[in-house]
Amino acid sequence: MSGSIADFEITLTKKKFIQKNGRDFFVDIDTSNPKEIKVFAVDQKISGIPEFIFTLPKYVTILDLSFNKLESLHGVHELAYLCVLVVDNNIISDEGLYFGPAPLKKINTFAINNNKLTNLDNLIERCLQLPNLSYLSVHNNPLNQDCSNPTEESLHEYDRFRCRLVAALPMLNFLDSTKISDEERSAAVNRPFDDYVPPEKYRPLPAFEEQKANKSLIAPTRYNYRGTHSEGNRFIRDENL
C-alpha cells in the first residue's frame, strides 16, 4: 500500500496500514468528524510521533501512542487542536517531556504512566504549559512512590507527591485516577510540606511480556493501575468518541 496518509480514503475508524522506513505498522484513525480526528498508534515500536500525523488535517484532537518506544514529545506543539494525549508505557525522560515554546491551550487530558520521569518540579513546570489540563495520570514513574506493596511510608510519600501536584496545578480535577475533592485541594494549598524528595527505591511495572501474563500493580487509589492497557484511555469521555 501507499506510504502516504493522503492516499487513504476517509472512513469511520478504519485501520490504516502505513509503511515507514521499509516497515509496516497499523494505525487507527477516526475521521468521521473532520474537526475531531482521533489517532491511535499503540504498540508499534515507534520512537517518535509519526511524521504522517502532521500531514493530517489540523484537527487531531485525540492521540494515543501507548506501548511504544517514545523518548520525547518532540513535535507535539504542532497539534494545536489536541485535547487528549496518552503516552503510557514508553521511555520518556524529564528532558523528553517538552511541549514546545508556547502553551497548548486545548489539552485537557494527559496520561504519561510508566515512563522515566524523575523530576517533580520539571513535571509541574511542563504541566503549567497546559492551562486547561483537567486530567493528569503519572502512575509508575520514578518520581512517584512505588506502591506495589503499600506500606505506611510509601503511602505517606505518595500523599506528599499528590499534595505538591494538587497545590501547584489548581486547574486539575483528577490526578492518578482519583478525583480531587474540594477538601483535598484546600488542604494541599494550606498544608506546609518539606521539599519533595523522590523515593530511593523504585520498582517499575513488569516487562511487557510479563504484563501479558496478568502481572499487576496495586496503586494507592480507588482504582488499581495494572499496566496491561493504556491508563489514559480511562479519561477519554463519551463526548470525545
C-alpha atoms as a PDB file:
ATOM      1  CA  MET A   1       0.000   0.000   0.000  1.00  0.00           C
ATOM      2  CA  SER A   2       0.994   3.582  -0.370  1.00  0.00           C
ATOM      3  CA  GLY A   3       3.039   5.132   2.417  1.00  0.00           C
ATOM      4  CA  SER A   4       1.248   8.464   2.262  1.00  0.00           C
ATOM      5  CA  ILE A   5      -1.710   9.060   4.542  1.00  0.00           C
ATOM      6  CA  ALA A   6      -3.158  11.333   1.867  1.00  0.00           C
ATOM      7  CA  ASP A   7      -3.806   8.252  -0.296  1.00  0.00           C
ATOM      8  CA  PHE A   8      -6.176   6.715   2.227  1.00  0.00           C
ATOM      9  CA  GLU A   9      -9.896   7.004   1.979  1.00  0.00           C
ATOM     10  CA  ILE A  10     -11.588   8.860   4.862  1.00  0.00           C
ATOM     11  CA  THR A  11     -13.832   6.363   6.649  1.00  0.00           C
ATOM     12  CA  LEU A  12     -15.148   5.754  10.154  1.00  0.00           C
ATOM     13  CA  THR A  13     -12.491   4.220  12.416  1.00  0.00           C
ATOM     14  CA  LYS A  14     -10.702   2.309   9.669  1.00  0.00           C
ATOM     15  CA  LYS A  15      -7.375   0.579  10.275  1.00  0.00           C
ATOM     16  CA  LYS A  16      -4.669   2.231   8.231  1.00  0.00           C
ATOM     17  CA  PHE A  17      -1.687   0.229   7.042  1.00  0.00           C
ATOM     18  CA  ILE A  18       1.238   2.657   6.966  1.00  0.00           C
ATOM     19  CA  GLN A  19       4.733   1.939   5.699  1.00  0.00           C
ATOM     20  CA  LYS A  20       7.613   3.745   7.398  1.00  0.00           C
ATOM     21  CA  ASN A  21      11.294   3.207   6.633  1.00  0.00           C
ATOM     22  CA  GLY A  22      10.540  -0.079   4.934  1.00  0.00           C
ATOM     23  CA  ARG A  23       8.418  -1.363   7.836  1.00  0.00           C
ATOM     24  CA  ASP A  24       4.647  -1.627   8.049  1.00  0.00           C
ATOM     25  CA  PHE A  25       2.576  -0.743  11.080  1.00  0.00           C
ATOM     26  CA  PHE A  26      -1.100  -0.335  11.903  1.00  0.00           C
ATOM     27  CA  VAL A  27      -2.824   2.856  12.990  1.00  0.00           C
ATOM     28  CA  ASP A  28      -6.470   3.512  13.825  1.00  0.00           C
ATOM     29  CA  ILE A  29      -7.675   6.857  12.503  1.00  0.00           C
ATOM     30  CA  ASP A  30     -11.216   8.070  13.072  1.00  0.00           C
ATOM     31  CA  THR A  31     -12.054  10.895  10.686  1.00  0.00           C
ATOM     32  CA  SER A  32     -15.837  10.587  10.890  1.00  0.00           C
ATOM     33  CA  ASN A  33     -15.863  14.151  12.181  1.00  0.00           C
ATOM     34  CA  PRO A  34     -13.335  16.201  10.159  1.00  0.00           C
ATOM     35  CA  LYS A  35     -12.958  18.592  13.086  1.00  0.00           C
ATOM     36  CA  GLU A  36     -12.305  15.838  15.647  1.00  0.00           C
ATOM     37  CA  ILE A  37      -9.726  13.413  14.247  1.00  0.00           C
ATOM     38  CA  LYS A  38      -8.599  10.612  16.582  1.00  0.00           C
ATOM     39  CA  VAL A  39      -5.338   8.731  16.062  1.00  0.00           C
ATOM     40  CA  PHE A  40      -4.346   5.515  17.857  1.00  0.00           C
ATOM     41  CA  ALA A  41      -0.884   4.060  17.152  1.00  0.00           C
ATOM     42  CA  VAL A  42      -0.436   1.624  20.044  1.00  0.00           C
ATOM     43  CA  ASP A  43       2.358  -0.960  20.389  1.00  0.00           C
ATOM     44  CA  GLN A  44       4.070  -0.119  17.098  1.00  0.00           C
ATOM     45  CA  LYS A  45       7.664   0.219  18.377  1.00  0.00           C
ATOM     46  CA  ILE A  46       7.852   3.838  17.211  1.00  0.00           C
ATOM     47  CA  SER A  47      10.409   6.138  18.856  1.00  0.00           C
ATOM     48  CA  GLY A  48       8.792   9.474  17.997  1.00  0.00           C
ATOM     49  CA  ILE A  49       5.489  10.985  16.944  1.00  0.00           C
ATOM     50  CA  PRO A  50       4.972   9.593  13.400  1.00  0.00           C
ATOM     51  CA  GLU A  51       5.507  12.209  10.719  1.00  0.00           C
ATOM     52  CA  PHE A  52       2.333  11.265   8.861  1.00  0.00           C
ATOM     53  CA  ILE A  53       0.273  12.658  11.769  1.00  0.00           C
ATOM     54  CA  PHE A  54       1.435  16.127  10.831  1.00  0.00           C
ATOM     55  CA  THR A  55       0.116  15.630   7.294  1.00  0.00           C
ATOM     56  CA  LEU A  56      -3.421  15.016   8.562  1.00  0.00           C
ATOM     57  CA  PRO A  57      -5.916  17.877   8.665  1.00  0.00           C
ATOM     58  CA  LYS A  58      -5.121  20.138  11.606  1.00  0.00           C
ATOM     59  CA  TYR A  59      -7.989  18.932  13.811  1.00  0.00           C
ATOM     60  CA  VAL A  60      -6.245  15.993  15.514  1.00  0.00           C
ATOM     61  CA  THR A  61      -7.959  16.035  18.926  1.00  0.00           C
ATOM     62  CA  ILE A  62      -7.007  12.637  20.416  1.00  0.00           C
ATOM     63  CA  LEU A  63      -3.581  10.995  20.126  1.00  0.00           C
ATOM     64  CA  ASP A  64      -2.717   7.689  21.818  1.00  0.00           C
ATOM     65  CA  LEU A  65       0.867   6.445  21.374  1.00  0.00           C
ATOM     66  CA  SER A  66       0.956   3.980  24.266  1.00  0.00           C
ATOM     67  CA  PHE A  67       3.209   0.905  24.447  1.00  0.00           C
ATOM     68  CA  ASN A  68       5.867   2.252  22.112  1.00  0.00           C
ATOM     69  CA  LYS A  69       9.464   3.443  22.492  1.00  0.00           C
ATOM     70  CA  LEU A  70       8.888   7.188  22.610  1.00  0.00           C
ATOM     71  CA  GLU A  71      11.766   9.119  24.137  1.00  0.00           C
ATOM     72  CA  SER A  72      10.254  12.583  23.770  1.00  0.00           C
ATOM     73  CA  LEU A  73       7.166  14.548  22.752  1.00  0.00           C
ATOM     74  CA  HIS A  74       9.040  16.401  20.006  1.00  0.00           C
ATOM     75  CA  GLY A  75       6.648  17.959  17.525  1.00  0.00           C
ATOM     76  CA  VAL A  76       3.511  17.776  19.656  1.00  0.00           C
ATOM     77  CA  HIS A  77       3.264  21.580  19.693  1.00  0.00           C
ATOM     78  CA  GLU A  78       2.263  21.403  16.018  1.00  0.00           C
ATOM     79  CA  LEU A  79      -1.011  19.720  17.026  1.00  0.00           C
ATOM     80  CA  ALA A  80      -2.737  22.896  18.118  1.00  0.00           C
ATOM     81  CA  TYR A  81      -6.196  21.287  18.461  1.00  0.00           C
ATOM     82  CA  LEU A  82      -5.025  18.316  20.525  1.00  0.00           C
ATOM     83  CA  CYS A  83      -7.260  17.702  23.572  1.00  0.00           C
ATOM     84  CA  VAL A  84      -6.238  14.222  24.744  1.00  0.00           C
ATOM     85  CA  LEU A  85      -2.630  12.974  24.782  1.00  0.00           C
ATOM     86  CA  VAL A  86      -1.886   9.441  26.004  1.00  0.00           C
ATOM     87  CA  VAL A  87       1.716   8.184  26.024  1.00  0.00           C
ATOM     88  CA  ASP A  88       1.608   5.400  28.629  1.00  0.00           C
ATOM     89  CA  ASN A  89       4.296   2.719  28.703  1.00  0.00           C
ATOM     90  CA  ASN A  90       7.089   4.479  26.836  1.00  0.00           C
ATOM     91  CA  ILE A  91      10.581   5.676  27.852  1.00  0.00           C
ATOM     92  CA  ILE A  92      10.025   9.435  28.040  1.00  0.00           C
ATOM     93  CA  SER A  93      12.506  11.165  30.363  1.00  0.00           C
ATOM     94  CA  ASP A  94      12.442  14.585  32.007  1.00  0.00           C
ATOM     95  CA  GLU A  95      14.281  16.015  29.001  1.00  0.00           C
ATOM     96  CA  GLY A  96      11.766  14.453  26.639  1.00  0.00           C
ATOM     97  CA  LEU A  97       8.809  15.971  28.491  1.00  0.00           C
ATOM     98  CA  TYR A  98       8.652  19.120  26.393  1.00  0.00           C
ATOM     99  CA  PHE A  99       5.528  20.540  24.772  1.00  0.00           C
ATOM    100  CA  GLY A 100       7.197  23.269  22.733  1.00  0.00           C
ATOM    101  CA  PRO A 101       7.759  27.011  23.014  1.00  0.00           C
ATOM    102  CA  ALA A 102       4.131  28.031  23.627  1.00  0.00           C
ATOM    103  CA  PRO A 103       1.262  26.758  25.806  1.00  0.00           C
ATOM    104  CA  LEU A 104      -1.012  24.063  24.392  1.00  0.00           C
ATOM    105  CA  LYS A 105      -4.347  25.530  25.410  1.00  0.00           C
ATOM    106  CA  LYS A 106      -6.599  22.707  24.188  1.00  0.00           C
ATOM    107  CA  ILE A 107      -5.114  19.764  26.086  1.00  0.00           C
ATOM    108  CA  ASN A 108      -7.380  18.716  28.943  1.00  0.00           C
ATOM    109  CA  THR A 109      -6.190  15.117  29.414  1.00  0.00           C
ATOM    110  CA  PHE A 110      -2.579  13.936  29.690  1.00  0.00           C
ATOM    111  CA  ALA A 111      -1.560  10.395  30.651  1.00  0.00           C
ATOM    112  CA  ILE A 112       2.131   9.531  30.900  1.00  0.00           C
ATOM    113  CA  ASN A 113       2.067   6.426  33.100  1.00  0.00           C
ATOM    114  CA  ASN A 114       5.032   4.073  33.275  1.00  0.00           C
ATOM    115  CA  ASN A 115       7.730   6.261  31.755  1.00  0.00           C
ATOM    116  CA  LYS A 116      11.073   7.599  33.040  1.00  0.00           C
ATOM    117  CA  LEU A 117      10.125  10.849  34.787  1.00  0.00           C
ATOM    118  CA  THR A 118      12.253  11.621  37.856  1.00  0.00           C
ATOM    119  CA  ASN A 119      11.885  15.364  38.490  1.00  0.00           C
ATOM    120  CA  LEU A 120       8.638  16.566  40.047  1.00  0.00           C
ATOM    121  CA  ASP A 121       9.473  20.261  39.652  1.00  0.00           C
ATOM    122  CA  ASN A 122      10.045  19.692  35.939  1.00  0.00           C
ATOM    123  CA  LEU A 123       6.712  17.867  35.635  1.00  0.00           C
ATOM    124  CA  ILE A 124       4.935  20.787  37.319  1.00  0.00           C
ATOM    125  CA  GLU A 125       6.669  23.321  35.089  1.00  0.00           C
ATOM    126  CA  ARG A 126       5.704  21.424  31.936  1.00  0.00           C
ATOM    127  CA  CYS A 127       2.107  20.918  33.023  1.00  0.00           C
ATOM    128  CA  LEU A 128       1.791  24.654  33.566  1.00  0.00           C
ATOM    129  CA  GLN A 129       2.136  24.867  29.790  1.00  0.00           C
ATOM    130  CA  LEU A 130      -1.266  23.147  29.653  1.00  0.00           C
ATOM    131  CA  PRO A 131      -3.553  25.792  31.202  1.00  0.00           C
ATOM    132  CA  ASN A 132      -6.736  23.742  30.670  1.00  0.00           C
ATOM    133  CA  LEU A 133      -5.355  20.435  31.928  1.00  0.00           C
ATOM    134  CA  SER A 134      -8.051  18.679  33.943  1.00  0.00           C
ATOM    135  CA  TYR A 135      -6.966  15.007  33.957  1.00  0.00           C
ATOM    136  CA  LEU A 136      -3.361  14.017  34.732  1.00  0.00           C
ATOM    137  CA  SER A 137      -2.074  10.490  35.318  1.00  0.00           C
ATOM    138  CA  VAL A 138       1.587   9.778  36.109  1.00  0.00           C
ATOM    139  CA  HIS A 139       1.425   6.345  37.752  1.00  0.00           C
ATOM    140  CA  ASN A 140       4.608   4.311  37.911  1.00  0.00           C
ATOM    141  CA  ASN A 141       7.313   6.847  37.151  1.00  0.00           C
ATOM    142  CA  PRO A 142      10.487   7.077  39.261  1.00  0.00           C
ATOM    143  CA  LEU A 143       9.307  10.436  40.672  1.00  0.00           C
ATOM    144  CA  ASN A 144       6.250   8.700  42.132  1.00  0.00           C
ATOM    145  CA  GLN A 145       6.402   6.399  45.148  1.00  0.00           C
ATOM    146  CA  ASP A 146       6.081   2.766  44.111  1.00  0.00           C
ATOM    147  CA  CYS A 147       3.149   1.140  45.920  1.00  0.00           C
ATOM    148  CA  SER A 148       3.007  -2.366  44.532  1.00  0.00           C
ATOM    149  CA  ASN A 149       3.471  -3.397  48.174  1.00  0.00           C
ATOM    150  CA  PRO A 150       1.933  -0.460  50.067  1.00  0.00           C
ATOM    151  CA  THR A 151       3.443   0.480  53.394  1.00  0.00           C
ATOM    152  CA  GLU A 152       2.747   3.368  55.729  1.00  0.00           C
ATOM    153  CA  GLU A 153       5.908   5.080  54.477  1.00  0.00           C
ATOM    154  CA  SER A 154       5.107   4.600  50.774  1.00  0.00           C
ATOM    155  CA  LEU A 155       1.563   5.866  51.223  1.00  0.00           C
ATOM    156  CA  HIS A 156       2.901   8.895  53.079  1.00  0.00           C
ATOM    157  CA  GLU A 157       5.346   9.622  50.246  1.00  0.00           C
ATOM    158  CA  TYR A 158       2.553   9.308  47.699  1.00  0.00           C
ATOM    159  CA  ASP A 159       0.427  11.673  49.771  1.00  0.00           C
ATOM    160  CA  ARG A 160       3.225  14.263  49.740  1.00  0.00           C
ATOM    161  CA  PHE A 161       3.681  13.791  45.997  1.00  0.00           C
ATOM    162  CA  ARG A 162      -0.028  14.241  45.364  1.00  0.00           C
ATOM    163  CA  CYS A 163      -0.162  17.266  47.653  1.00  0.00           C
ATOM    164  CA  ARG A 164       2.586  19.012  45.683  1.00  0.00           C
ATOM    165  CA  LEU A 165       0.814  18.474  42.364  1.00  0.00           C
ATOM    166  CA  VAL A 166      -2.639  19.462  43.613  1.00  0.00           C
ATOM    167  CA  ALA A 167      -1.261  22.669  45.145  1.00  0.00           C
ATOM    168  CA  ALA A 168       0.848  23.574  42.091  1.00  0.00           C
ATOM    169  CA  LEU A 169      -1.740  22.748  39.412  1.00  0.00           C
ATOM    170  CA  PRO A 170      -5.053  24.301  40.523  1.00  0.00           C
ATOM    171  CA  MET A 171      -6.724  23.514  37.189  1.00  0.00           C
ATOM    172  CA  LEU A 172      -6.610  19.742  37.802  1.00  0.00           C
ATOM    173  CA  ASN A 173      -9.802  17.822  38.597  1.00  0.00           C
ATOM    174  CA  PHE A 174      -8.403  14.286  38.502  1.00  0.00           C
ATOM    175  CA  LEU A 175      -4.953  13.024  39.456  1.00  0.00           C
ATOM    176  CA  ASP A 176      -3.882   9.391  39.029  1.00  0.00           C
ATOM    177  CA  SER A 177      -7.425   8.104  38.534  1.00  0.00           C
ATOM    178  CA  THR A 178      -8.800   9.808  41.633  1.00  0.00           C
ATOM    179  CA  LYS A 179     -10.964  12.917  41.642  1.00  0.00           C
ATOM    180  CA  ILE A 180      -9.551  15.875  43.567  1.00  0.00           C
ATOM    181  CA  SER A 181     -12.091  16.924  46.165  1.00  0.00           C
ATOM    182  CA  ASP A 182     -12.544  20.469  47.428  1.00  0.00           C
ATOM    183  CA  GLU A 183     -11.279  19.309  50.811  1.00  0.00           C
ATOM    184  CA  GLU A 184      -8.124  17.812  49.320  1.00  0.00           C
ATOM    185  CA  ARG A 185      -7.448  20.926  47.266  1.00  0.00           C
ATOM    186  CA  SER A 186      -7.897  23.206  50.267  1.00  0.00           C
ATOM    187  CA  ALA A 187      -5.685  21.013  52.450  1.00  0.00           C
ATOM    188  CA  ALA A 188      -2.974  20.868  49.775  1.00  0.00           C
ATOM    189  CA  VAL A 189      -2.917  24.630  49.276  1.00  0.00           C
ATOM    190  CA  ASN A 190      -2.740  25.341  53.008  1.00  0.00           C
ATOM    191  CA  ARG A 191      -0.528  22.443  54.028  1.00  0.00           C
ATOM    192  CA  PRO A 192       3.112  23.103  54.891  1.00  0.00           C
ATOM    193  CA  PHE A 193       5.334  20.371  53.487  1.00  0.00           C
ATOM    194  CA  ASP A 194       9.022  19.724  53.091  1.00  0.00           C
ATOM    195  CA  ASP A 195      10.634  19.805  49.675  1.00  0.00           C
ATOM    196  CA  TYR A 196       9.604  16.667  47.861  1.00  0.00           C
ATOM    197  CA  VAL A 197      12.335  14.027  47.682  1.00  0.00           C
ATOM    198  CA  PRO A 198      11.776  11.192  45.171  1.00  0.00           C
ATOM    199  CA  PRO A 199      11.942   7.673  46.643  1.00  0.00           C
ATOM    200  CA  GLU A 200      15.320   5.963  46.619  1.00  0.00           C
ATOM    201  CA  LYS A 201      13.840   2.641  45.616  1.00  0.00           C
ATOM    202  CA  TYR A 202      11.741   2.320  42.502  1.00  0.00           C
ATOM    203  CA  ARG A 203      10.338  -0.839  41.016  1.00  0.00           C
ATOM    204  CA  PRO A 204       8.746  -0.282  37.581  1.00  0.00           C
ATOM    205  CA  LEU A 205       5.950  -2.269  36.029  1.00  0.00           C
ATOM    206  CA  PRO A 206       6.881  -5.745  34.758  1.00  0.00           C
ATOM    207  CA  ALA A 207       8.189  -6.107  31.226  1.00  0.00           C
ATOM    208  CA  PHE A 208       5.536  -6.072  28.535  1.00  0.00           C
ATOM    209  CA  GLU A 209       5.711  -9.862  28.140  1.00  0.00           C
ATOM    210  CA  GLU A 210       5.085 -10.299  31.862  1.00  0.00           C
ATOM    211  CA  GLN A 211       2.210  -7.852  31.758  1.00  0.00           C
ATOM    212  CA  LYS A 212       0.521 -10.113  29.223  1.00  0.00           C
ATOM    213  CA  ALA A 213       0.772 -12.882  31.843  1.00  0.00           C
ATOM    214  CA  ASN A 214      -1.574 -10.853  34.077  1.00  0.00           C
ATOM    215  CA  LYS A 215       1.035  -9.367  36.387  1.00  0.00           C
ATOM    216  CA  SER A 216      -0.491  -6.441  38.200  1.00  0.00           C
ATOM    217  CA  LEU A 217       0.305  -3.350  40.200  1.00  0.00           C
ATOM    218  CA  ILE A 218      -1.734  -2.072  43.130  1.00  0.00           C
ATOM    219  CA  ALA A 219      -1.835   1.709  43.349  1.00  0.00           C
ATOM    220  CA  PRO A 220      -2.817   3.671  46.478  1.00  0.00           C
ATOM    221  CA  THR A 221      -6.087   4.885  44.994  1.00  0.00           C
ATOM    222  CA  ARG A 222      -9.573   3.543  44.498  1.00  0.00           C
ATOM    223  CA  TYR A 223      -8.512   2.338  41.047  1.00  0.00           C
ATOM    224  CA  ASN A 224      -5.719  -0.181  40.579  1.00  0.00           C
ATOM    225  CA  TYR A 225      -3.403   0.569  37.672  1.00  0.00           C
ATOM    226  CA  ARG A 226      -2.389  -2.797  36.245  1.00  0.00           C
ATOM    227  CA  GLY A 227      -0.191  -1.777  33.323  1.00  0.00           C
ATOM    228  CA  THR A 228      -1.897  -4.088  30.843  1.00  0.00           C
ATOM    229  CA  HIS A 229      -3.557  -1.324  28.869  1.00  0.00           C
ATOM    230  CA  SER A 230      -3.352   2.385  28.342  1.00  0.00           C
ATOM    231  CA  GLU A 231      -4.429   4.028  31.576  1.00  0.00           C
ATOM    232  CA  GLY A 232      -5.085   7.274  29.734  1.00  0.00           C
ATOM    233  CA  ASN A 233      -7.994   5.763  27.804  1.00  0.00           C
ATOM    234  CA  ARG A 234      -9.992   5.827  31.033  1.00  0.00           C
ATOM    235  CA  PHE A 235     -10.098   9.591  30.685  1.00  0.00           C
ATOM    236  CA  ILE A 236     -11.458   9.675  27.129  1.00  0.00           C
ATOM    237  CA  ARG A 237     -15.037  10.639  27.801  1.00  0.00           C
ATOM    238  CA  ASP A 238     -18.194   9.958  25.813  1.00  0.00           C
ATOM    239  CA  GLU A 239     -18.162  13.378  24.194  1.00  0.00           C
ATOM    240  CA  ASN A 240     -14.680  12.613  22.793  1.00  0.00           C
ATOM    241  CA  LEU A 241     -15.898   9.494  20.982  1.00  0.00           C
END
